[in-house]
Protein backbone atom coordinates (compact mmCIF):
# COMPACT_ATOMS: atom_id res chain seq x y z
CA UNK A 1 0.00 0.00 0.00
CA UNK A 2 2.75 2.48 0.81
CA UNK A 3 4.24 2.22 -2.70
CA UNK A 4 0.81 2.99 -4.15
CA UNK A 5 0.54 5.97 -1.83
CA UNK A 6 3.98 7.27 -2.82
CA UNK A 7 3.04 6.90 -6.48
CA UNK A 8 -0.10 8.99 -5.94
CA UNK A 9 1.79 11.66 -3.96
CA UNK A 10 4.50 11.84 -6.64
CA UNK A 11 1.83 12.37 -9.31
CA UNK A 12 0.34 15.26 -7.30
CA UNK A 13 3.74 16.87 -6.87
CA UNK A 14 4.65 16.37 -10.54
CA UNK A 15 1.55 18.37 -11.49
CA UNK A 16 2.35 21.07 -8.93
CA UNK A 17 5.93 21.30 -10.23
CA UNK A 18 4.48 22.04 -13.68
CA UNK A 19 2.36 24.80 -12.13
CA UNK A 20 -0.85 22.77 -12.42
CA UNK A 21 -2.81 23.33 -9.21
CA UNK A 22 -6.33 22.96 -10.58
CA UNK A 23 -6.81 19.20 -10.49
CA UNK A 24 -8.15 17.50 -7.37
CA UNK A 25 -8.87 14.02 -8.73
CA UNK A 26 -6.51 12.70 -6.07
CA UNK A 27 -8.47 14.27 -3.18
CA UNK A 28 -11.23 12.79 -1.09
CA UNK A 29 -14.44 14.87 -1.44
CA UNK A 30 -14.28 15.66 2.30
CA UNK A 31 -10.54 16.40 2.37
CA UNK A 32 -9.17 18.39 5.29
CA UNK A 33 -6.83 21.01 3.80
CA UNK A 34 -4.45 22.80 6.16
CA UNK A 35 -1.94 25.61 5.89
CA UNK A 36 -0.22 24.72 9.17
CA UNK A 37 1.89 27.87 9.34
CA UNK A 38 3.12 30.68 7.11
CA UNK A 39 1.31 33.78 5.89
CA UNK A 40 -2.16 32.19 5.49
CA UNK A 41 -2.63 29.56 8.26
CA UNK A 42 -6.00 27.90 8.43
CA UNK A 43 -8.07 24.77 7.86
CA UNK A 44 -10.66 24.14 5.16
CA UNK A 45 -12.90 21.15 4.51
CA UNK A 46 -14.00 19.63 1.23
CA UNK A 47 -12.96 20.16 -2.36
CA UNK A 48 -14.55 23.61 -2.55
CA UNK A 49 -12.80 24.75 0.63
CA UNK A 50 -9.45 23.46 -0.61
CA UNK A 51 -9.92 25.16 -3.99
CA UNK A 52 -10.83 28.47 -2.35
CA UNK A 53 -7.83 28.33 0.01
CA UNK A 54 -5.42 27.50 -2.82
CA UNK A 55 -6.90 30.16 -5.10
CA UNK A 56 -6.59 32.83 -2.38
CA UNK A 57 -3.04 31.72 -1.59
CA UNK A 58 -1.86 31.65 -5.20
CA UNK A 59 -3.40 35.07 -5.86
CA UNK A 60 -0.83 36.53 -3.43
CA UNK A 61 2.17 35.24 -5.38
CA UNK A 62 3.82 35.80 -8.72
CA UNK A 63 5.72 32.90 -10.23
CA UNK A 64 4.86 30.53 -7.36
CA UNK A 65 6.75 27.23 -7.67
CA UNK A 66 7.14 24.19 -5.46
CA UNK A 67 9.54 21.31 -6.01
CA UNK A 68 9.77 18.02 -4.12
CA UNK A 69 13.15 17.19 -2.69
CA UNK A 70 12.43 13.99 -0.79
CA UNK A 71 9.54 11.60 -0.12
CA UNK A 72 9.28 9.75 3.18
CA UNK A 73 6.74 7.05 3.95
CA UNK A 74 5.86 7.47 7.62
CA UNK A 75 3.40 4.59 7.79
CA UNK A 76 0.67 2.92 5.68
CA UNK A 77 -1.42 6.10 5.57
CA UNK A 78 1.05 9.01 5.65
CA UNK A 79 3.67 10.34 3.25
CA UNK A 80 5.83 13.35 4.11
CA UNK A 81 7.36 15.39 1.29
CA UNK A 82 10.22 17.82 1.83
CA UNK A 83 9.98 20.63 -0.70
CA UNK A 84 11.53 23.91 -1.83
CA UNK A 85 9.30 26.85 -2.61
CA UNK A 86 9.93 29.94 -4.70
CA UNK A 87 7.98 32.96 -5.79
CA UNK A 88 7.56 36.68 -5.31
CA UNK A 89 4.94 38.28 -3.08
CA UNK A 90 2.67 40.44 -5.26
CA UNK A 91 2.10 43.04 -2.53
CA UNK A 92 5.54 43.02 -0.92
CA UNK A 93 7.73 42.17 -3.90
CA UNK A 94 9.70 39.96 -1.53
CA UNK A 95 11.39 36.99 -3.15
CA UNK A 96 10.78 33.78 -1.24
CA UNK A 97 14.43 32.89 -1.79
CA UNK A 98 15.24 35.73 0.63
CA UNK A 99 13.37 33.86 3.35
CA UNK A 100 13.49 30.31 4.62
CA UNK A 101 12.02 28.28 1.75
CA UNK A 102 12.33 24.66 2.88
CA UNK A 103 8.86 23.39 3.61
CA UNK A 104 7.05 20.10 3.93
CA UNK A 105 3.73 18.60 2.93
CA UNK A 106 2.07 15.83 4.88
CA UNK A 107 -0.35 13.62 2.94
CA UNK A 108 -2.82 11.35 4.75
CA UNK A 109 -4.18 8.71 2.38
CA UNK A 110 -6.93 6.13 2.53
CA UNK A 111 -8.29 3.90 -0.21
CA UNK A 112 -6.40 5.66 -3.00
CA UNK A 113 -7.21 9.26 -2.17
CA UNK A 114 -5.83 12.05 0.00
CA UNK A 115 -8.05 12.61 3.04
CA UNK A 116 -5.91 15.23 4.78
CA UNK A 117 -3.25 17.55 3.36
CA UNK A 118 -1.12 19.72 5.64
CA UNK A 119 1.29 22.24 4.11
CA UNK A 120 4.14 23.65 6.18
CA UNK A 121 6.33 26.62 5.30
CA UNK A 122 8.71 25.56 8.05
CA UNK A 123 10.06 22.04 7.60
CA UNK A 124 11.18 21.92 11.23
CA UNK A 125 7.60 22.65 12.37
CA UNK A 126 6.38 19.62 10.40
CA UNK A 127 9.05 17.41 11.94
CA UNK A 128 8.23 18.71 15.41
CA UNK A 129 4.49 18.08 14.90
CA UNK A 130 5.33 14.52 13.84
CA UNK A 131 7.78 13.93 16.71
CA UNK A 132 10.69 13.49 14.29
CA UNK A 133 14.12 15.08 14.12
CA UNK A 134 15.82 16.23 10.89
CA UNK A 135 18.18 13.25 11.00
CA UNK A 136 15.46 10.60 11.34
CA UNK A 137 15.64 8.19 8.45
CA UNK A 138 11.97 7.27 8.64
CA UNK A 139 10.56 6.22 5.33
CA UNK A 140 11.79 5.94 1.77
CA UNK A 141 14.05 8.76 0.60
CA UNK A 142 13.49 10.12 -2.89
């Protein structure tokens, strides 16, 4: 099951890396979508809530990009992805590269779909929430 989950997560990230954020075929209709930290923290439920949160978030950025660096299988239902983010704030003009840009995304999966998606701007915050340290070798590296 975990290899199937990693395959699904990789396909989501491959689309995101191409700048394709509109598809949600991978998401459970009642998905819990979370910005755990960063400039727009919050929680939304369902496909419409996730779409609204992503649309509002992306509207704040020019040239927003995200790229997976490493995939870690935490257990049969969770995959953690370490990622790099880049972009420029439309209002501030601040380049994300000027700030800490190593984030993480935690996918919870069940029966072939993502039921919970938590995005972290701060990778260390994700590790802390999961009770892991940066050196933990939990899961399958990319």
